[in-house]
Amino acid sequence: MSLEFGKGLKLVAIGGGTGLSTLLSGLKIFVRNPEKPVWLEELSAIVAVSDDGGSSGRLRDEFQVLPPGDIRNCIVALSEDSLLLSKLFKYRFRSNGELGGHSFGNLFLIALTEITGDFTEAIKLSSEILATKGHIYPATTTDVRLIAELENGSFVKGETNISKTHGKIKRLKLEPENCKALPEALKAIEEADLITIGPGSLYTSLLPPLLVKDIAEGIEKSKALKIFICNLMTQPGETDGYSAQKHLEVIYNHVPSIKFDYLILNNRPISQLQAELYAKEGAEQIDFLSINEVLPKETKIIAEDLLDESDKVRHNPEKLALSVLNCFSKTLSKGNS
């Protein structure tokens, strides 16, 4: 990695779910935009493909393809045309028949996969149609399933079941464990200046891509700045009672070879009304006060207001993107001091 102001950076964002698409929608503003103090030459997303519920799960079982949902969300998030085409891709059929619950974007990806015979080619073509400002890669093209070992010794198989379990998760693994990453994804990691992990569901969005051994090894070897973005809220049934420290402990326990240069946290309390509404669902704001106990000495904490101004507790895409890119500026300034 060559740290230099005025040069376009290469960034790889890893994860899944709404967290990854939120980050991408903020980062795309900086793609090929040299008017910004820090800008991106290339933006790549490496996306979890272990979803087995909802529309994605149904299509996965019926057509024997990778789940398209998180991929579709990333395509929309990176789309330059955020109006008609992106609305079309997000449209979900409301009928009570076989189409009910399916999104148009999922069906479009499956149709292109059937035509081309290649899911990754379908992603590429869909990205071209929506004029996305980045590359999107599935974490693996293998049909992987998640298996969680609980602290009571029992096992839970499948992302949907894991997200609903209220047992404490001891260990997570992919089946099969020997799945391979795409060469293009590994090349993006190798050439990256910045690599982000998060925000997203810890066990079902963040860990699955890291459990692909090629990806974990690539991140370990990469000279990029490595950034962990902590979630805003705990996830009922998955991370009940987890602090920011616990999130990092889980990551380190599964992939000890990966160490982060920066940890990004939101330090603005949510409103009392939001806290009460989320408490009814069993979620609470993540505590970050004891985070220093687990951090390596070289990891810097970036704690700032990252909340969006909405009723739901969400990251503000642009605030989050700026926080990520400022990690580069801080590192470069420190190196030049």
C-alpha atoms as a PDB file:
ATOM      1  CA  MET A   1       0.000   0.000   0.000  1.00  0.00           C
ATOM      2  CA  SER A   2       1.388   3.380  -1.015  1.00  0.00           C
ATOM      3  CA  LEU A   3      -0.020   6.155   1.162  1.00  0.00           C
ATOM      4  CA  GLU A   4      -0.272   9.359  -0.843  1.00  0.00           C
ATOM      5  CA  PHE A   5      -2.680  12.307  -0.799  1.00  0.00           C
ATOM      6  CA  GLY A   6      -4.386  13.074  -4.089  1.00  0.00           C
ATOM      7  CA  LYS A   7      -4.226   9.488  -5.267  1.00  0.00           C
ATOM      8  CA  GLY A   8      -7.373   7.444  -5.796  1.00  0.00           C
ATOM      9  CA  LEU A   9      -7.629   4.598  -3.292  1.00  0.00           C
ATOM     10  CA  LYS A  10      -8.756   1.010  -3.715  1.00  0.00           C
ATOM     11  CA  LEU A  11     -11.240  -0.087  -1.066  1.00  0.00           C
ATOM     12  CA  VAL A  12     -12.703  -3.531  -0.372  1.00  0.00           C
ATOM     13  CA  ALA A  13     -15.835  -3.745   1.815  1.00  0.00           C
ATOM     14  CA  ILE A  14     -16.688  -7.158   3.273  1.00  0.00           C
ATOM     15  CA  GLY A  15     -19.985  -8.233   4.825  1.00  0.00           C
ATOM     16  CA  GLY A  16     -23.639  -8.578   3.934  1.00  0.00           C
ATOM     17  CA  GLY A  17     -27.155  -7.487   4.748  1.00  0.00           C
ATOM     18  CA  THR A  18     -28.266  -3.878   5.126  1.00  0.00           C
ATOM     19  CA  GLY A  19     -25.029  -2.899   6.862  1.00  0.00           C
ATOM     20  CA  LEU A  20     -22.883  -3.485   3.790  1.00  0.00           C
ATOM     21  CA  SER A  21     -25.332  -1.831   1.402  1.00  0.00           C
ATOM     22  CA  THR A  22     -25.547   1.220   3.716  1.00  0.00           C
ATOM     23  CA  LEU A  23     -21.767   1.611   3.691  1.00  0.00           C
ATOM     24  CA  LEU A  24     -21.578   1.158  -0.095  1.00  0.00           C
ATOM     25  CA  SER A  25     -24.251   3.785  -0.727  1.00  0.00           C
ATOM     26  CA  GLY A  26     -22.112   6.286   1.194  1.00  0.00           C
ATOM     27  CA  LEU A  27     -18.816   5.263  -0.391  1.00  0.00           C
ATOM     28  CA  LYS A  28     -20.053   5.467  -3.978  1.00  0.00           C
ATOM     29  CA  ILE A  29     -20.097   9.280  -3.689  1.00  0.00           C
ATOM     30  CA  PHE A  30     -16.289   9.150  -3.522  1.00  0.00           C
ATOM     31  CA  VAL A  31     -15.731   6.807  -6.478  1.00  0.00           C
ATOM     32  CA  ARG A  32     -13.720   8.454  -9.284  1.00  0.00           C
ATOM     33  CA  ASN A  33     -14.345  11.866  -7.714  1.00  0.00           C
ATOM     34  CA  PRO A  34     -10.910  13.554  -7.482  1.00  0.00           C
ATOM     35  CA  GLU A  35     -12.534  16.775  -6.293  1.00  0.00           C
ATOM     36  CA  LYS A  36     -12.807  15.108  -2.865  1.00  0.00           C
ATOM     37  CA  PRO A  37      -9.751  15.331  -0.564  1.00  0.00           C
ATOM     38  CA  VAL A  38      -9.795  11.518  -0.367  1.00  0.00           C
ATOM     39  CA  TRP A  39     -11.403   9.597  -3.199  1.00  0.00           C
ATOM     40  CA  LEU A  40     -11.716   6.062  -4.531  1.00  0.00           C
ATOM     41  CA  GLU A  41     -10.271   4.745  -7.740  1.00  0.00           C
ATOM     42  CA  GLU A  42     -11.910   1.363  -7.196  1.00  0.00           C
ATOM     43  CA  LEU A  43     -14.598   0.101  -4.833  1.00  0.00           C
ATOM     44  CA  SER A  44     -15.225  -3.621  -4.397  1.00  0.00           C
ATOM     45  CA  ALA A  45     -17.708  -5.509  -2.224  1.00  0.00           C
ATOM     46  CA  ILE A  46     -17.229  -9.110  -1.098  1.00  0.00           C
ATOM     47  CA  VAL A  47     -20.630 -10.386  -0.052  1.00  0.00           C
ATOM     48  CA  ALA A  48     -21.813 -13.200   2.231  1.00  0.00           C
ATOM     49  CA  VAL A  49     -23.733 -15.937   0.372  1.00  0.00           C
ATOM     50  CA  SER A  50     -25.052 -18.112   3.194  1.00  0.00           C
ATOM     51  CA  ASP A  51     -28.627 -16.764   3.302  1.00  0.00           C
ATOM     52  CA  ASP A  52     -31.242 -19.524   3.223  1.00  0.00           C
ATOM     53  CA  GLY A  53     -34.424 -17.652   4.123  1.00  0.00           C
ATOM     54  CA  GLY A  54     -37.110 -15.597   2.385  1.00  0.00           C
ATOM     55  CA  SER A  55     -37.029 -15.042  -1.359  1.00  0.00           C
ATOM     56  CA  SER A  56     -33.298 -15.843  -1.560  1.00  0.00           C
ATOM     57  CA  GLY A  57     -33.737 -19.156   0.222  1.00  0.00           C
ATOM     58  CA  ARG A  58     -36.642 -20.213  -1.968  1.00  0.00           C
ATOM     59  CA  LEU A  59     -34.774 -19.387  -5.172  1.00  0.00           C
ATOM     60  CA  ARG A  60     -31.626 -21.046  -3.857  1.00  0.00           C
ATOM     61  CA  ASP A  61     -33.457 -24.325  -3.250  1.00  0.00           C
ATOM     62  CA  GLU A  62     -35.476 -24.239  -6.465  1.00  0.00           C
ATOM     63  CA  PHE A  63     -32.716 -23.269  -8.916  1.00  0.00           C
ATOM     64  CA  GLN A  64     -29.624 -24.533  -7.050  1.00  0.00           C
ATOM     65  CA  VAL A  65     -27.960 -21.108  -7.199  1.00  0.00           C
ATOM     66  CA  LEU A  66     -26.331 -18.793  -4.697  1.00  0.00           C
ATOM     67  CA  PRO A  67     -28.753 -16.626  -2.691  1.00  0.00           C
ATOM     68  CA  PRO A  68     -29.202 -13.368  -4.629  1.00  0.00           C
ATOM     69  CA  GLY A  69     -30.664 -11.056  -1.942  1.00  0.00           C
ATOM     70  CA  ASP A  70     -27.553  -9.435  -0.457  1.00  0.00           C
ATOM     71  CA  ILE A  71     -25.962  -9.245  -3.902  1.00  0.00           C
ATOM     72  CA  ARG A  72     -29.047  -7.435  -5.208  1.00  0.00           C
ATOM     73  CA  ASN A  73     -28.942  -4.950  -2.318  1.00  0.00           C
ATOM     74  CA  CYS A  74     -25.307  -4.143  -3.104  1.00  0.00           C
ATOM     75  CA  ILE A  75     -26.072  -3.631  -6.806  1.00  0.00           C
ATOM     76  CA  VAL A  76     -28.836  -1.190  -5.888  1.00  0.00           C
ATOM     77  CA  ALA A  77     -26.651   0.573  -3.298  1.00  0.00           C
ATOM     78  CA  LEU A  78     -23.906   1.155  -5.865  1.00  0.00           C
ATOM     79  CA  SER A  79     -26.279   2.066  -8.672  1.00  0.00           C
ATOM     80  CA  GLU A  80     -25.708   5.414 -10.345  1.00  0.00           C
ATOM     81  CA  ASP A  81     -29.370   5.489 -11.382  1.00  0.00           C
ATOM     82  CA  SER A  82     -31.052   5.452  -7.980  1.00  0.00           C
ATOM     83  CA  LEU A  83     -34.561   6.064  -9.305  1.00  0.00           C
ATOM     84  CA  LEU A  84     -36.544   3.818 -11.653  1.00  0.00           C
ATOM     85  CA  LEU A  85     -34.145   0.904 -12.209  1.00  0.00           C
ATOM     86  CA  SER A  86     -33.137   0.615  -8.578  1.00  0.00           C
ATOM     87  CA  LYS A  87     -36.784   0.825  -7.503  1.00  0.00           C
ATOM     88  CA  LEU A  88     -37.535  -1.941  -9.995  1.00  0.00           C
ATOM     89  CA  PHE A  89     -34.778  -4.130  -8.556  1.00  0.00           C
ATOM     90  CA  LYS A  90     -36.122  -3.597  -5.026  1.00  0.00           C
ATOM     91  CA  TYR A  91     -39.755  -4.184  -5.991  1.00  0.00           C
ATOM     92  CA  ARG A  92     -41.298  -7.126  -4.126  1.00  0.00           C
ATOM     93  CA  PHE A  93     -44.357  -8.936  -5.495  1.00  0.00           C
ATOM     94  CA  ARG A  94     -47.337  -8.848  -3.133  1.00  0.00           C
ATOM     95  CA  SER A  95     -49.450 -11.676  -4.509  1.00  0.00           C
ATOM     96  CA  ASN A  96     -50.452 -14.754  -2.532  1.00  0.00           C
ATOM     97  CA  GLY A  97     -49.193 -17.027  -5.302  1.00  0.00           C
ATOM     98  CA  GLU A  98     -45.762 -18.408  -6.069  1.00  0.00           C
ATOM     99  CA  LEU A  99     -44.401 -14.945  -6.913  1.00  0.00           C
ATOM    100  CA  GLY A 100     -45.462 -13.539  -3.552  1.00  0.00           C
ATOM    101  CA  GLY A 101     -42.489 -12.298  -1.504  1.00  0.00           C
ATOM    102  CA  HIS A 102     -40.005 -12.465  -4.368  1.00  0.00           C
ATOM    103  CA  SER A 103     -38.185  -9.294  -5.380  1.00  0.00           C
ATOM    104  CA  PHE A 104     -37.798  -8.413  -9.043  1.00  0.00           C
ATOM    105  CA  GLY A 105     -34.040  -8.017  -8.605  1.00  0.00           C
ATOM    106  CA  ASN A 106     -33.691 -11.559  -7.250  1.00  0.00           C
ATOM    107  CA  LEU A 107     -35.664 -12.980 -10.166  1.00  0.00           C
ATOM    108  CA  PHE A 108     -33.649 -10.897 -12.634  1.00  0.00           C
ATOM    109  CA  LEU A 109     -30.372 -12.274 -11.274  1.00  0.00           C
ATOM    110  CA  ILE A 110     -31.684 -15.834 -11.446  1.00  0.00           C
ATOM    111  CA  ALA A 111     -32.900 -15.326 -15.028  1.00  0.00           C
ATOM    112  CA  LEU A 112     -29.505 -13.981 -16.087  1.00  0.00           C
ATOM    113  CA  THR A 113     -27.815 -16.897 -14.337  1.00  0.00           C
ATOM    114  CA  GLU A 114     -29.995 -19.335 -16.275  1.00  0.00           C
ATOM    115  CA  ILE A 115     -29.180 -17.554 -19.557  1.00  0.00           C
ATOM    116  CA  THR A 116     -25.420 -17.197 -19.008  1.00  0.00           C
ATOM    117  CA  GLY A 117     -24.905 -20.322 -16.923  1.00  0.00           C
ATOM    118  CA  ASP A 118     -22.776 -18.323 -14.497  1.00  0.00           C
ATOM    119  CA  PHE A 119     -23.951 -16.464 -11.376  1.00  0.00           C
ATOM    120  CA  THR A 120     -20.888 -14.197 -11.282  1.00  0.00           C
ATOM    121  CA  GLU A 121     -21.489 -13.223 -14.909  1.00  0.00           C
ATOM    122  CA  ALA A 122     -25.113 -12.439 -14.011  1.00  0.00           C
ATOM    123  CA  ILE A 123     -23.872 -10.124 -11.247  1.00  0.00           C
ATOM    124  CA  LYS A 124     -21.518  -8.390 -13.670  1.00  0.00           C
ATOM    125  CA  LEU A 125     -24.236  -7.873 -16.305  1.00  0.00           C
ATOM    126  CA  SER A 126     -26.752  -6.632 -13.727  1.00  0.00           C
ATOM    127  CA  SER A 127     -24.153  -4.191 -12.407  1.00  0.00           C
ATOM    128  CA  GLU A 128     -23.597  -2.868 -15.932  1.00  0.00           C
ATOM    129  CA  ILE A 129     -27.330  -2.407 -16.467  1.00  0.00           C
ATOM    130  CA  LEU A 130     -27.653  -0.364 -13.266  1.00  0.00           C
ATOM    131  CA  ALA A 131     -24.356   1.473 -13.918  1.00  0.00           C
ATOM    132  CA  THR A 132     -22.941   0.539 -10.530  1.00  0.00           C
ATOM    133  CA  LYS A 133     -19.899   2.409  -9.240  1.00  0.00           C
ATOM    134  CA  GLY A 134     -18.055  -0.647  -8.015  1.00  0.00           C
ATOM    135  CA  HIS A 135     -17.393  -4.384  -8.317  1.00  0.00           C
ATOM    136  CA  ILE A 136     -19.455  -6.995  -6.476  1.00  0.00           C
ATOM    137  CA  TYR A 137     -18.136 -10.482  -5.720  1.00  0.00           C
ATOM    138  CA  PRO A 138     -19.774 -13.343  -3.826  1.00  0.00           C
ATOM    139  CA  ALA A 139     -17.505 -14.541  -1.008  1.00  0.00           C
ATOM    140  CA  THR A 140     -17.488 -17.962  -2.661  1.00  0.00           C
ATOM    141  CA  THR A 141     -19.317 -19.644  -5.533  1.00  0.00           C
ATOM    142  CA  THR A 142     -19.678 -22.846  -3.498  1.00  0.00           C
ATOM    143  CA  ASP A 143     -23.123 -23.699  -2.114  1.00  0.00           C
ATOM    144  CA  VAL A 144     -22.178 -23.086   1.531  1.00  0.00           C
ATOM    145  CA  ARG A 145     -24.327 -23.535   4.614  1.00  0.00           C
ATOM    146  CA  LEU A 146     -23.700 -22.178   8.092  1.00  0.00           C
ATOM    147  CA  ILE A 147     -23.401 -24.454  11.121  1.00  0.00           C
ATOM    148  CA  ALA A 148     -23.298 -23.047  14.642  1.00  0.00           C
ATOM    149  CA  GLU A 149     -22.123 -24.964  17.678  1.00  0.00           C
ATOM    150  CA  LEU A 150     -23.870 -23.681  20.801  1.00  0.00           C
ATOM    151  CA  GLU A 151     -22.319 -23.516  24.252  1.00  0.00           C
ATOM    152  CA  ASN A 152     -24.685 -26.271  25.422  1.00  0.00           C
ATOM    153  CA  GLY A 153     -23.099 -28.663  22.891  1.00  0.00           C
ATOM    154  CA  SER A 154     -25.940 -28.695  20.372  1.00  0.00           C
ATOM    155  CA  PHE A 155     -25.654 -27.704  16.709  1.00  0.00           C
ATOM    156  CA  VAL A 156     -27.853 -25.447  14.594  1.00  0.00           C
ATOM    157  CA  LYS A 157     -27.687 -25.582  10.794  1.00  0.00           C
ATOM    158  CA  GLY A 158     -28.719 -22.812   8.430  1.00  0.00           C
ATOM    159  CA  GLU A 159     -28.536 -19.024   8.654  1.00  0.00           C
ATOM    160  CA  THR A 160     -32.258 -18.603   9.306  1.00  0.00           C
ATOM    161  CA  ASN A 161     -32.220 -21.044  12.219  1.00  0.00           C
ATOM    162  CA  ILE A 162     -29.038 -19.532  13.656  1.00  0.00           C
ATOM    163  CA  SER A 163     -30.515 -16.034  13.616  1.00  0.00           C
ATOM    164  CA  LYS A 164     -33.497 -17.314  15.606  1.00  0.00           C
ATOM    165  CA  THR A 165     -31.622 -19.323  18.215  1.00  0.00           C
ATOM    166  CA  HIS A 166     -31.440 -17.890  21.705  1.00  0.00           C
ATOM    167  CA  GLY A 167     -28.621 -20.202  22.718  1.00  0.00           C
ATOM    168  CA  LYS A 168     -25.121 -18.757  23.064  1.00  0.00           C
ATOM    169  CA  ILE A 169     -23.033 -19.480  19.969  1.00  0.00           C
ATOM    170  CA  LYS A 170     -19.635 -21.017  20.709  1.00  0.00           C
ATOM    171  CA  ARG A 171     -18.364 -21.598  17.192  1.00  0.00           C
ATOM    172  CA  LEU A 172     -19.428 -21.006  13.614  1.00  0.00           C
ATOM    173  CA  LYS A 173     -18.269 -22.850  10.523  1.00  0.00           C
ATOM    174  CA  LEU A 174     -19.052 -23.203   6.854  1.00  0.00           C
ATOM    175  CA  GLU A 175     -20.089 -26.441   5.226  1.00  0.00           C
ATOM    176  CA  PRO A 176     -18.135 -27.365   3.157  1.00  0.00           C
ATOM    177  CA  GLU A 177     -15.111 -25.833   4.884  1.00  0.00           C
ATOM    178  CA  ASN A 178     -12.849 -26.102   1.820  1.00  0.00           C
ATOM    179  CA  CYS A 179     -14.817 -23.582  -0.272  1.00  0.00           C
ATOM    180  CA  LYS A 180     -12.788 -21.273  -2.494  1.00  0.00           C
ATOM    181  CA  ALA A 181     -12.945 -17.528  -3.115  1.00  0.00           C
ATOM    182  CA  LEU A 182     -13.139 -15.971  -6.557  1.00  0.00           C
ATOM    183  CA  PRO A 183      -9.709 -15.042  -7.978  1.00  0.00           C
ATOM    184  CA  GLU A 184     -11.081 -11.537  -8.728  1.00  0.00           C
ATOM    185  CA  ALA A 185     -12.036 -11.068  -5.076  1.00  0.00           C
ATOM    186  CA  LEU A 186      -8.593 -12.186  -3.901  1.00  0.00           C
ATOM    187  CA  LYS A 187      -6.941  -9.819  -6.371  1.00  0.00           C
ATOM    188  CA  ALA A 188      -9.064  -6.928  -5.052  1.00  0.00           C
ATOM    189  CA  ILE A 189      -7.946  -7.741  -1.498  1.00  0.00           C
ATOM    190  CA  GLU A 190      -4.300  -7.972  -2.566  1.00  0.00           C
ATOM    191  CA  GLU A 191      -4.400  -4.559  -4.259  1.00  0.00           C
ATOM    192  CA  ALA A 192      -6.542  -2.791  -1.639  1.00  0.00           C
ATOM    193  CA  ASP A 193      -5.481   0.304   0.274  1.00  0.00           C
ATOM    194  CA  LEU A 194      -8.403  -0.057   2.706  1.00  0.00           C
ATOM    195  CA  ILE A 195     -10.360  -3.142   3.805  1.00  0.00           C
ATOM    196  CA  THR A 196     -13.532  -2.767   5.879  1.00  0.00           C
ATOM    197  CA  ILE A 197     -15.466  -5.424   7.759  1.00  0.00           C
ATOM    198  CA  GLY A 198     -18.912  -4.454   8.993  1.00  0.00           C
ATOM    199  CA  PRO A 199     -21.376  -3.223   9.894  1.00  0.00           C
ATOM    200  CA  GLY A 200     -23.689  -6.223   9.734  1.00  0.00           C
ATOM    201  CA  SER A 201     -24.998  -9.259  11.572  1.00  0.00           C
ATOM    202  CA  LEU A 202     -21.975 -10.744  13.321  1.00  0.00           C
ATOM    203  CA  TYR A 203     -22.640 -14.436  12.792  1.00  0.00           C
ATOM    204  CA  THR A 204     -24.619 -14.342   9.556  1.00  0.00           C
ATOM    205  CA  SER A 205     -23.080 -11.462   7.568  1.00  0.00           C
ATOM    206  CA  LEU A 206     -19.569 -10.691   8.846  1.00  0.00           C
ATOM    207  CA  LEU A 207     -18.097 -14.051   9.825  1.00  0.00           C
ATOM    208  CA  PRO A 208     -19.223 -16.133   6.789  1.00  0.00           C
ATOM    209  CA  PRO A 209     -16.943 -14.345   4.257  1.00  0.00           C
ATOM    210  CA  LEU A 210     -14.053 -14.464   6.749  1.00  0.00           C
ATOM    211  CA  LEU A 211     -14.506 -18.223   7.161  1.00  0.00           C
ATOM    212  CA  VAL A 212     -13.583 -18.665   3.498  1.00  0.00           C
ATOM    213  CA  LYS A 213      -9.921 -19.509   4.141  1.00  0.00           C
ATOM    214  CA  ASP A 214      -8.615 -17.821   0.974  1.00  0.00           C
ATOM    215  CA  ILE A 215     -10.248 -14.556   2.007  1.00  0.00           C
ATOM    216  CA  ALA A 216      -8.946 -14.666   5.584  1.00  0.00           C
ATOM    217  CA  GLU A 217      -5.429 -15.448   4.345  1.00  0.00           C
ATOM    218  CA  GLY A 218      -5.654 -12.674   1.751  1.00  0.00           C
ATOM    219  CA  ILE A 219      -6.672 -10.117   4.385  1.00  0.00           C
ATOM    220  CA  GLU A 220      -3.860 -11.260   6.686  1.00  0.00           C
ATOM    221  CA  LYS A 221      -1.243 -10.819   3.937  1.00  0.00           C
ATOM    222  CA  SER A 222      -2.672  -7.545   2.631  1.00  0.00           C
ATOM    223  CA  LYS A 223      -0.826  -4.325   3.439  1.00  0.00           C
ATOM    224  CA  ALA A 224      -4.127  -2.417   3.416  1.00  0.00           C
ATOM    225  CA  LEU A 225      -5.481  -0.539   6.416  1.00  0.00           C
ATOM    226  CA  LYS A 226      -7.945  -2.918   8.063  1.00  0.00           C
ATOM    227  CA  ILE A 227     -11.039  -1.350   9.616  1.00  0.00           C
ATOM    228  CA  PHE A 228     -13.763  -2.941  11.734  1.00  0.00           C
ATOM    229  CA  ILE A 229     -17.062  -1.046  11.847  1.00  0.00           C
ATOM    230  CA  CYS A 230     -19.113  -1.963  14.894  1.00  0.00           C
ATOM    231  CA  ASN A 231     -22.882  -2.364  14.766  1.00  0.00           C
ATOM    232  CA  LEU A 232     -25.192   0.121  16.431  1.00  0.00           C
ATOM    233  CA  MET A 233     -27.537  -2.363  18.121  1.00  0.00           C
ATOM    234  CA  THR A 234     -27.465  -5.940  19.352  1.00  0.00           C
ATOM    235  CA  GLN A 235     -29.366  -8.461  17.251  1.00  0.00           C
ATOM    236  CA  PRO A 236     -32.098 -10.421  19.076  1.00  0.00           C
ATOM    237  CA  GLY A 237     -31.371 -14.135  19.206  1.00  0.00           C
ATOM    238  CA  GLU A 238     -27.876 -13.693  17.772  1.00  0.00           C
ATOM    239  CA  THR A 239     -25.860 -11.179  19.810  1.00  0.00           C
ATOM    240  CA  ASP A 240     -28.000 -10.625  22.894  1.00  0.00           C
ATOM    241  CA  GLY A 241     -26.013  -8.639  25.465  1.00  0.00           C
ATOM    242  CA  TYR A 242     -22.943  -8.305  23.243  1.00  0.00           C
ATOM    243  CA  SER A 243     -20.729  -5.258  23.710  1.00  0.00           C
ATOM    244  CA  ALA A 244     -18.375  -3.883  21.069  1.00  0.00           C
ATOM    245  CA  GLN A 245     -15.636  -5.779  22.884  1.00  0.00           C
ATOM    246  CA  LYS A 246     -17.543  -9.053  22.544  1.00  0.00           C
ATOM    247  CA  HIS A 247     -18.027  -8.508  18.796  1.00  0.00           C
ATOM    248  CA  LEU A 248     -14.269  -8.161  18.362  1.00  0.00           C
ATOM    249  CA  GLU A 249     -13.544 -11.156  20.589  1.00  0.00           C
ATOM    250  CA  VAL A 250     -15.762 -13.331  18.397  1.00  0.00           C
ATOM    251  CA  ILE A 251     -14.007 -12.141  15.228  1.00  0.00           C
ATOM    252  CA  TYR A 252     -10.560 -12.767  16.745  1.00  0.00           C
ATOM    253  CA  ASN A 253     -11.572 -16.202  18.065  1.00  0.00           C
ATOM    254  CA  HIS A 254     -12.643 -17.316  14.588  1.00  0.00           C
ATOM    255  CA  VAL A 255      -9.938 -15.594  12.531  1.00  0.00           C
ATOM    256  CA  PRO A 256      -7.046 -14.736  14.877  1.00  0.00           C
ATOM    257  CA  SER A 257      -4.791 -13.909  11.926  1.00  0.00           C
ATOM    258  CA  ILE A 258      -6.752 -10.725  11.175  1.00  0.00           C
ATOM    259  CA  LYS A 259      -5.904  -7.641  13.226  1.00  0.00           C
ATOM    260  CA  PHE A 260      -7.531  -4.252  12.762  1.00  0.00           C
ATOM    261  CA  ASP A 261      -5.747  -0.933  12.438  1.00  0.00           C
ATOM    262  CA  TYR A 262      -8.934   1.010  13.211  1.00  0.00           C
ATOM    263  CA  LEU A 263     -12.171   0.373  15.070  1.00  0.00           C
ATOM    264  CA  ILE A 264     -15.060   2.673  14.148  1.00  0.00           C
ATOM    265  CA  LEU A 265     -17.795   3.172  16.746  1.00  0.00           C
ATOM    266  CA  ASN A 266     -20.862   5.351  17.068  1.00  0.00           C
ATOM    267  CA  ASN A 267     -20.716   7.355  20.300  1.00  0.00           C
ATOM    268  CA  ARG A 268     -24.071   9.123  20.083  1.00  0.00           C
ATOM    269  CA  PRO A 269     -26.804   7.669  22.314  1.00  0.00           C
ATOM    270  CA  ILE A 270     -30.040   6.761  20.593  1.00  0.00           C
ATOM    271  CA  SER A 271     -33.198   8.510  21.732  1.00  0.00           C
ATOM    272  CA  GLN A 272     -35.282   7.273  24.653  1.00  0.00           C
ATOM    273  CA  LEU A 273     -38.142   6.481  22.268  1.00  0.00           C
ATOM    274  CA  GLN A 274     -35.844   4.436  20.020  1.00  0.00           C
ATOM    275  CA  ALA A 275     -34.439   2.586  23.021  1.00  0.00           C
ATOM    276  CA  GLU A 276     -37.938   1.671  24.191  1.00  0.00           C
ATOM    277  CA  LEU A 277     -39.069   0.524  20.737  1.00  0.00           C
ATOM    278  CA  TYR A 278     -35.999  -1.654  20.190  1.00  0.00           C
ATOM    279  CA  ALA A 279     -36.200  -3.050  23.719  1.00  0.00           C
ATOM    280  CA  LYS A 280     -39.589  -4.526  22.832  1.00  0.00           C
ATOM    281  CA  GLU A 281     -37.807  -6.546  20.138  1.00  0.00           C
ATOM    282  CA  GLY A 282     -35.023  -7.554  22.521  1.00  0.00           C
ATOM    283  CA  ALA A 283     -32.357  -5.217  21.098  1.00  0.00           C
ATOM    284  CA  GLU A 284     -30.244  -2.605  22.851  1.00  0.00           C
ATOM    285  CA  GLN A 285     -27.546  -0.107  21.904  1.00  0.00           C
ATOM    286  CA  ILE A 286     -24.094  -1.678  21.881  1.00  0.00           C
ATOM    287  CA  ASP A 287     -21.831  -0.681  24.774  1.00  0.00           C
ATOM    288  CA  PHE A 288     -18.338   0.409  23.741  1.00  0.00           C
ATOM    289  CA  LEU A 289     -16.944   1.702  27.029  1.00  0.00           C
ATOM    290  CA  SER A 290     -14.717  -1.310  27.820  1.00  0.00           C
ATOM    291  CA  ILE A 291     -13.392  -1.785  24.304  1.00  0.00           C
ATOM    292  CA  ASN A 292      -9.727  -1.146  25.178  1.00  0.00           C
ATOM    293  CA  GLU A 293      -9.471  -4.466  27.018  1.00  0.00           C
ATOM    294  CA  VAL A 294      -9.450  -6.494  23.795  1.00  0.00           C
ATOM    295  CA  LEU A 295      -7.735  -4.147  21.354  1.00  0.00           C
ATOM    296  CA  PRO A 296      -4.184  -4.743  20.178  1.00  0.00           C
ATOM    297  CA  LYS A 297      -1.965  -1.749  20.959  1.00  0.00           C
ATOM    298  CA  GLU A 298      -1.781  -0.779  17.295  1.00  0.00           C
ATOM    299  CA  THR A 299      -5.572  -0.482  16.912  1.00  0.00           C
ATOM    300  CA  LYS A 300      -6.941   3.065  17.029  1.00  0.00           C
ATOM    301  CA  ILE A 301     -10.507   3.838  18.097  1.00  0.00           C
ATOM    302  CA  ILE A 302     -12.592   6.251  16.042  1.00  0.00           C
ATOM    303  CA  ALA A 303     -15.695   7.140  18.081  1.00  0.00           C
ATOM    304  CA  GLU A 304     -18.046   9.712  16.592  1.00  0.00           C
ATOM    305  CA  ASP A 305     -21.667  10.465  15.782  1.00  0.00           C
ATOM    306  CA  LEU A 306     -22.619   8.105  12.957  1.00  0.00           C
ATOM    307  CA  LEU A 307     -26.390   7.996  13.426  1.00  0.00           C
ATOM    308  CA  ASP A 308     -28.877   8.781  10.702  1.00  0.00           C
ATOM    309  CA  GLU A 309     -31.711  11.189  11.468  1.00  0.00           C
ATOM    310  CA  SER A 310     -34.597   8.738  11.211  1.00  0.00           C
ATOM    311  CA  ASP A 311     -36.968   6.804  13.427  1.00  0.00           C
ATOM    312  CA  LYS A 312     -35.026   3.588  12.866  1.00  0.00           C
ATOM    313  CA  VAL A 313     -31.535   3.247  14.301  1.00  0.00           C
ATOM    314  CA  ARG A 314     -29.324   3.258  11.214  1.00  0.00           C
ATOM    315  CA  HIS A 315     -25.864   4.426  10.211  1.00  0.00           C
ATOM    316  CA  ASN A 316     -25.834   7.583   8.141  1.00  0.00           C
ATOM    317  CA  PRO A 317     -24.193   6.416   4.873  1.00  0.00           C
ATOM    318  CA  GLU A 318     -22.179   9.563   4.214  1.00  0.00           C
ATOM    319  CA  LYS A 319     -21.029   9.975   7.836  1.00  0.00           C
ATOM    320  CA  LEU A 320     -19.901   6.353   7.856  1.00  0.00           C
ATOM    321  CA  ALA A 321     -18.093   6.637   4.517  1.00  0.00           C
ATOM    322  CA  LEU A 322     -16.279   9.776   5.688  1.00  0.00           C
ATOM    323  CA  SER A 323     -15.254   8.075   8.913  1.00  0.00           C
ATOM    324  CA  VAL A 324     -13.764   5.174   6.924  1.00  0.00           C
ATOM    325  CA  LEU A 325     -11.875   7.402   4.491  1.00  0.00           C
ATOM    326  CA  ASN A 326     -10.610   9.632   7.298  1.00  0.00           C
ATOM    327  CA  CYS A 327      -8.747   6.596   8.654  1.00  0.00           C
ATOM    328  CA  PHE A 328      -6.519   6.896   5.584  1.00  0.00           C
ATOM    329  CA  SER A 329      -5.989  10.610   6.199  1.00  0.00           C
ATOM    330  CA  LYS A 330      -5.125  10.005   9.868  1.00  0.00           C
ATOM    331  CA  THR A 331      -2.613   7.300   8.956  1.00  0.00           C
ATOM    332  CA  LEU A 332      -0.979   9.405   6.272  1.00  0.00           C
ATOM    333  CA  SER A 333      -0.756  12.462   8.537  1.00  0.00           C
ATOM    334  CA  LYS A 334       0.798  10.357  11.288  1.00  0.00           C
ATOM    335  CA  GLY A 335       3.290   8.881   8.819  1.00  0.00           C
ATOM    336  CA  ASN A 336       4.316  12.335   7.647  1.00  0.00           C
ATOM    337  CA  SER A 337       4.629  13.825  11.130  1.00  0.00           C
END
